[in-house]
C-alpha atoms as a PDB file:
ATOM      1  CA  MET A   1       8.250 -55.721  67.553  1.00  0.00           C
ATOM      2  CA  MET A   2       5.646 -53.879  65.507  1.00  0.00           C
ATOM      3  CA  SER A   3       4.758 -49.982  65.599  1.00  0.00           C
ATOM      4  CA  LYS A   4       2.275 -48.815  67.245  1.00  0.00           C
ATOM      5  CA  ASN A   5       0.986 -47.662  63.591  1.00  0.00           C
ATOM      6  CA  LYS A   6       0.484 -50.806  62.332  1.00  0.00           C
ATOM      7  CA  GLN A   7      -1.072 -52.411  64.960  1.00  0.00           C
ATOM      8  CA  LEU A   8      -3.871 -49.192  64.103  1.00  0.00           C
ATOM      9  CA  THR A   9      -6.979 -50.891  63.101  1.00  0.00           C
ATOM     10  CA  GLY A  10     -10.319 -49.125  61.490  1.00  0.00           C
ATOM     11  CA  ALA A  11     -12.050 -45.852  59.026  1.00  0.00           C
ATOM     12  CA  PHE A  12      -9.950 -42.929  58.989  1.00  0.00           C
ATOM     13  CA  TYR A  13     -12.746 -40.329  57.814  1.00  0.00           C
ATOM     14  CA  LEU A  14     -11.860 -36.227  56.968  1.00  0.00           C
ATOM     15  CA  LYS A  15     -13.862 -32.808  57.006  1.00  0.00           C
ATOM     16  CA  LEU A  16     -12.547 -30.092  54.893  1.00  0.00           C
ATOM     17  CA  PRO A  17     -13.955 -25.784  55.386  1.00  0.00           C
ATOM     18  CA  THR A  18     -14.405 -26.090  51.735  1.00  0.00           C
ATOM     19  CA  PHE A  19     -17.030 -29.082  52.172  1.00  0.00           C
ATOM     20  CA  ARG A  20     -21.169 -27.611  52.406  1.00  0.00           C
ATOM     21  CA  ASP A  21     -22.545 -29.806  54.393  1.00  0.00           C
ATOM     22  CA  THR A  22     -21.417 -29.320  58.279  1.00  0.00           C
ATOM     23  CA  ASP A  23     -21.973 -32.615  59.226  1.00  0.00           C
ATOM     24  CA  GLU A  24     -20.478 -33.710  56.690  1.00  0.00           C
ATOM     25  CA  TRP A  25     -17.161 -36.700  56.559  1.00  0.00           C
ATOM     26  CA  LEU A  26     -15.576 -37.804  53.900  1.00  0.00           C
ATOM     27  CA  GLU A  27     -14.477 -42.006  54.189  1.00  0.00           C
ATOM     28  CA  MET A  28     -10.263 -41.769  53.376  1.00  0.00           C
ATOM     29  CA  GLY A  29      -9.557 -45.492  53.691  1.00  0.00           C
ATOM     30  CA  GLU A  30      -8.532 -47.986  56.023  1.00  0.00           C
ATOM     31  CA  MET A  31      -6.350 -49.837  58.460  1.00  0.00           C
ATOM     32  CA  SER A  32      -5.367 -53.696  58.117  1.00  0.00           C
ATOM     33  CA  PHE A  33      -2.743 -55.974  58.726  1.00  0.00           C
ATOM     34  CA  GLY A  34      -0.422 -52.461  58.412  1.00  0.00           C
ATOM     35  CA  ASN A  35      -1.564 -51.203  55.390  1.00  0.00           C
ATOM     36  CA  PHE A  36      -3.532 -47.866  54.426  1.00  0.00           C
ATOM     37  CA  TYR A  37      -6.814 -49.437  52.323  1.00  0.00           C
ATOM     38  CA  SER A  38      -7.553 -45.515  50.707  1.00  0.00           C
ATOM     39  CA  TYR A  39     -11.231 -44.419  48.730  1.00  0.00           C
ATOM     40  CA  GLY A  40      -9.973 -41.752  47.377  1.00  0.00           C
ATOM     41  CA  GLY A  41      -9.945 -39.411  50.061  1.00  0.00           C
ATOM     42  CA  LEU A  42      -6.438 -38.884  50.793  1.00  0.00           C
ATOM     43  CA  LYS A  43      -6.278 -36.955  47.498  1.00  0.00           C
ATOM     44  CA  SER A  44      -9.032 -34.248  48.837  1.00  0.00           C
ATOM     45  CA  LEU A  45      -6.235 -34.501  52.028  1.00  0.00           C
ATOM     46  CA  ASN A  46      -2.933 -34.127  49.537  1.00  0.00           C
ATOM     47  CA  ASN A  47      -5.548 -31.318  47.534  1.00  0.00           C
ATOM     48  CA  PHE A  48      -6.534 -29.264  50.785  1.00  0.00           C
ATOM     49  CA  LEU A  49      -2.849 -29.514  51.676  1.00  0.00           C
ATOM     50  CA  ARG A  50      -1.529 -28.187  47.921  1.00  0.00           C
ATOM     51  CA  MET A  51      -3.971 -25.417  48.520  1.00  0.00           C
ATOM     52  CA  ALA A  52      -3.220 -24.651  52.655  1.00  0.00           C
ATOM     53  CA  GLU A  53       1.176 -24.251  51.192  1.00  0.00           C
ATOM     54  CA  LYS A  54      -0.409 -20.702  50.449  1.00  0.00           C
ATOM     55  CA  LYS A  55      -2.464 -20.547  53.054  1.00  0.00           C
ATOM     56  CA  PRO A  56      -0.941 -22.133  55.978  1.00  0.00           C
ATOM     57  CA  GLU A  57      -3.693 -21.300  58.775  1.00  0.00           C
ATOM     58  CA  ALA A  58      -5.844 -22.860  56.693  1.00  0.00           C
ATOM     59  CA  LEU A  59      -4.355 -26.609  58.159  1.00  0.00           C
ATOM     60  CA  ASP A  60      -5.575 -25.446  61.689  1.00  0.00           C
ATOM     61  CA  LYS A  61      -9.700 -26.263  60.107  1.00  0.00           C
ATOM     62  CA  ILE A  62      -8.658 -30.388  59.532  1.00  0.00           C
ATOM     63  CA  GLN A  63      -9.898 -31.853  60.391  1.00  0.00           C
ATOM     64  CA  ILE A  64      -9.258 -36.165  61.144  1.00  0.00           C
ATOM     65  CA  LYS A  65     -11.094 -38.719  62.851  1.00  0.00           C
ATOM     66  CA  ASP A  66     -10.759 -42.477  63.073  1.00  0.00           C
ATOM     67  CA  ASP A  67     -13.711 -44.633  64.016  1.00  0.00           C
ATOM     68  CA  LYS A  68     -13.157 -44.844  67.105  1.00  0.00           C
ATOM     69  CA  ASN A  69     -14.262 -40.952  67.481  1.00  0.00           C
ATOM     70  CA  ASN A  70      -9.920 -40.354  67.828  1.00  0.00           C
ATOM     71  CA  SER A  71      -9.077 -37.229  66.495  1.00  0.00           C
ATOM     72  CA  TYR A  72      -5.766 -36.767  64.207  1.00  0.00           C
ATOM     73  CA  THR A  73      -3.742 -32.667  62.837  1.00  0.00           C
ATOM     74  CA  ALA A  74      -3.140 -32.794  59.656  1.00  0.00           C
ATOM     75  CA  GLU A  75       0.366 -34.181  60.073  1.00  0.00           C
ATOM     76  CA  GLU A  76      -0.361 -35.924  62.678  1.00  0.00           C
ATOM     77  CA  PHE A  77      -2.250 -38.368  60.533  1.00  0.00           C
ATOM     78  CA  VAL A  78       0.743 -38.174  57.522  1.00  0.00           C
ATOM     79  CA  LEU A  79       2.903 -38.874  59.572  1.00  0.00           C
ATOM     80  CA  LEU A  80       1.331 -42.422  60.726  1.00  0.00           C
ATOM     81  CA  LEU A  81       1.086 -42.960  57.082  1.00  0.00           C
ATOM     82  CA  THR A  82       4.976 -42.764  56.736  1.00  0.00           C
ATOM     83  CA  GLU A  83       4.895 -46.040  59.016  1.00  0.00           C
ATOM     84  CA  VAL A  84       2.464 -48.226  56.734  1.00  0.00           C
ATOM     85  CA  GLU A  85       2.308 -49.223  53.319  1.00  0.00           C
ATOM     86  CA  VAL A  86      -0.455 -46.903  51.634  1.00  0.00           C
ATOM     87  CA  ILE A  87      -2.551 -49.043  48.699  1.00  0.00           C
ATOM     88  CA  ASP A  88      -4.841 -46.837  46.897  1.00  0.00           C
ATOM     89  CA  ASN A  89      -8.255 -48.081  46.036  1.00  0.00           C
ATOM     90  CA  GLY A  90      -9.826 -44.244  45.018  1.00  0.00           C
END
């Protein structure tokens, strides 16, 4: 039986508090066929998470959504990625 996460499809977007434009969303990648195809946004998320290790309150400011407008915490999104193969295209 395939996990729910491997059945997810669509694009995922990231908004960090460091973005200057409040309406700016960075496309992190796309989930398809049980794989996550990264478009470079994972590097931005990873860099911000490293900074958040020193300032944990910053974690609450990360916004992640999919193309169906479902929201994810950073922790939920990282856990989602542990169940699929990540292919870095960025």
